[in-house]
Protein backbone atom coordinates (compact mmCIF):
# COMPACT_ATOMS: atom_id res chain seq x y z
CA MET A 1 0.00 0.00 0.00
CA VAL A 2 2.81 2.40 0.84
CA LEU A 3 4.52 1.78 -2.49
CA GLU A 4 1.26 2.32 -4.39
CA GLU A 5 0.82 5.74 -2.81
CA TYR A 6 4.34 6.69 -3.84
CA GLU A 7 3.52 5.54 -7.37
CA ASP A 8 0.56 7.95 -7.35
CA ASN A 9 2.90 10.67 -6.09
CA GLU A 10 5.26 10.09 -8.99
CA ALA A 11 2.42 10.09 -11.52
CA LYS A 12 1.31 13.48 -10.15
CA ILE A 13 -2.14 12.02 -9.45
CA ALA A 14 -1.95 12.93 -5.78
CA VAL A 15 -2.74 16.32 -4.31
CA SER A 16 -1.89 15.58 -0.67
CA GLY A 17 1.14 13.90 0.87
CA VAL A 18 1.59 10.15 0.95
CA ASP A 19 1.21 10.16 4.73
CA GLU A 20 -2.17 11.89 4.62
CA ARG A 21 -3.51 9.53 1.96
CA LEU A 22 -2.34 6.46 3.87
CA MET A 23 -3.90 7.71 7.11
CA ALA A 24 -7.19 8.37 5.29
CA LYS A 25 -7.20 4.94 3.58
CA THR A 26 -6.16 2.86 6.57
CA GLY A 27 -7.38 4.83 9.57
CA LEU A 28 -3.95 4.31 11.16
CA PRO A 29 -2.28 7.01 13.26
CA GLU A 30 0.48 9.18 11.84
CA LYS A 31 3.29 7.47 13.74
CA VAL A 32 2.32 4.05 12.31
CA VAL A 33 2.11 5.44 8.78
CA TYR A 34 5.51 7.13 9.10
CA ALA A 35 7.02 3.89 10.47
CA ALA A 36 5.76 2.07 7.36
CA MET A 37 7.13 4.78 5.08
CA GLU A 38 10.50 4.70 6.86
CA ARG A 39 10.57 0.89 6.59
CA GLU A 40 10.14 1.10 2.81
CA ASP A 41 12.86 3.77 2.69
CA ASP A 42 15.19 1.52 4.71
CA ARG A 43 14.60 -1.22 2.11
CA SER A 44 15.78 1.22 -0.60
CA TYR A 45 12.36 1.31 -2.25
CA LEU A 46 12.03 5.10 -1.88
CA GLU A 47 13.98 8.25 -2.58
CA TYR A 48 13.11 11.74 -1.47
CA GLY A 49 14.50 15.23 -1.24
CA VAL A 50 13.44 17.27 1.75
CA SER A 51 10.46 15.24 2.98
CA LEU A 52 9.64 11.54 3.00
CA ARG A 53 5.98 12.41 2.37
CA CYS A 54 6.84 13.76 -1.10
CA GLY A 55 9.19 11.01 -2.26
CA TRP A 56 9.16 8.70 -5.23
CA LEU A 57 9.87 5.05 -5.98
CA THR A 58 13.35 3.83 -6.81
CA GLU A 59 13.84 1.21 -9.52
CA GLN A 60 13.90 -1.36 -6.70
CA GLY A 61 10.63 0.03 -5.38
CA LYS A 62 8.99 -0.19 -8.80
CA ALA A 63 10.18 -3.78 -9.16
CA ARG A 64 8.86 -4.69 -5.69
CA LEU A 65 5.49 -3.10 -6.44
CA ALA A 66 5.25 -5.07 -9.70
CA GLU A 67 6.12 -8.23 -7.77
CA LEU A 68 3.43 -7.53 -5.17
CA ARG A 69 0.84 -7.14 -7.93
CA LEU A 70 1.48 -10.61 -9.37
CA PRO A 71 -1.17 -13.23 -8.55
CA GLN A 72 -0.18 -15.08 -5.41
CA PRO A 73 -0.05 -18.90 -5.58
CA ASN A 74 -2.29 -20.96 -3.32
CA LEU A 75 0.25 -22.30 -0.83
CA SER A 76 -2.27 -23.95 1.47
CA GLY A 77 -2.52 -27.07 -0.70
CA ARG A 78 -6.29 -26.74 -0.79
CA ALA A 79 -8.42 -26.13 -3.82
CA ALA A 80 -10.99 -23.38 -4.03
CA SER A 81 -14.11 -23.98 -1.95
CA ASN A 82 -16.28 -24.69 -5.02
CA GLU A 83 -13.89 -27.40 -6.20
CA ILE A 84 -13.85 -29.05 -2.78
CA THR A 85 -17.63 -29.00 -2.57
CA ARG A 86 -18.08 -30.57 -5.99
CA SER A 87 -15.27 -33.10 -5.70
CA ASN A 88 -16.39 -34.60 -2.39
CA GLY A 89 -19.90 -35.30 -3.63
CA VAL A 90 -21.67 -32.64 -1.59
CA GLN A 91 -24.18 -30.71 -3.63
CA LYS A 92 -25.22 -27.18 -2.98
CA PRO A 93 -28.99 -26.67 -2.53
CA ASP A 94 -29.37 -25.14 -5.99
CA GLU A 95 -27.54 -28.09 -7.58
CA LYS A 96 -29.76 -30.84 -6.12
CA LYS A 97 -31.71 -32.82 -8.67
CA GLY A 98 -35.42 -32.39 -8.65
CA GLY A 99 -35.65 -29.62 -6.15
């Protein structure tokens, strides 16, 4: 989420600072939002001049954001709930024959 807000900053879509937008979206207090922003900066995902709230994504940050947007594999080893229901012979009420 933090990286996405910085992407909006870079695209000049945003009017307010990244911190204000994150607080509005998440309902989290300022100190928590700044800790998240500082964490992403520590990971070299952000660059900024005078203020962290007006920064932009580094190439590493853009790559990480692209990685986060990829579909995540199902690591639980379980199929989707519809597949489980159909494969174990249980029918949903609307699938029952004759009723």
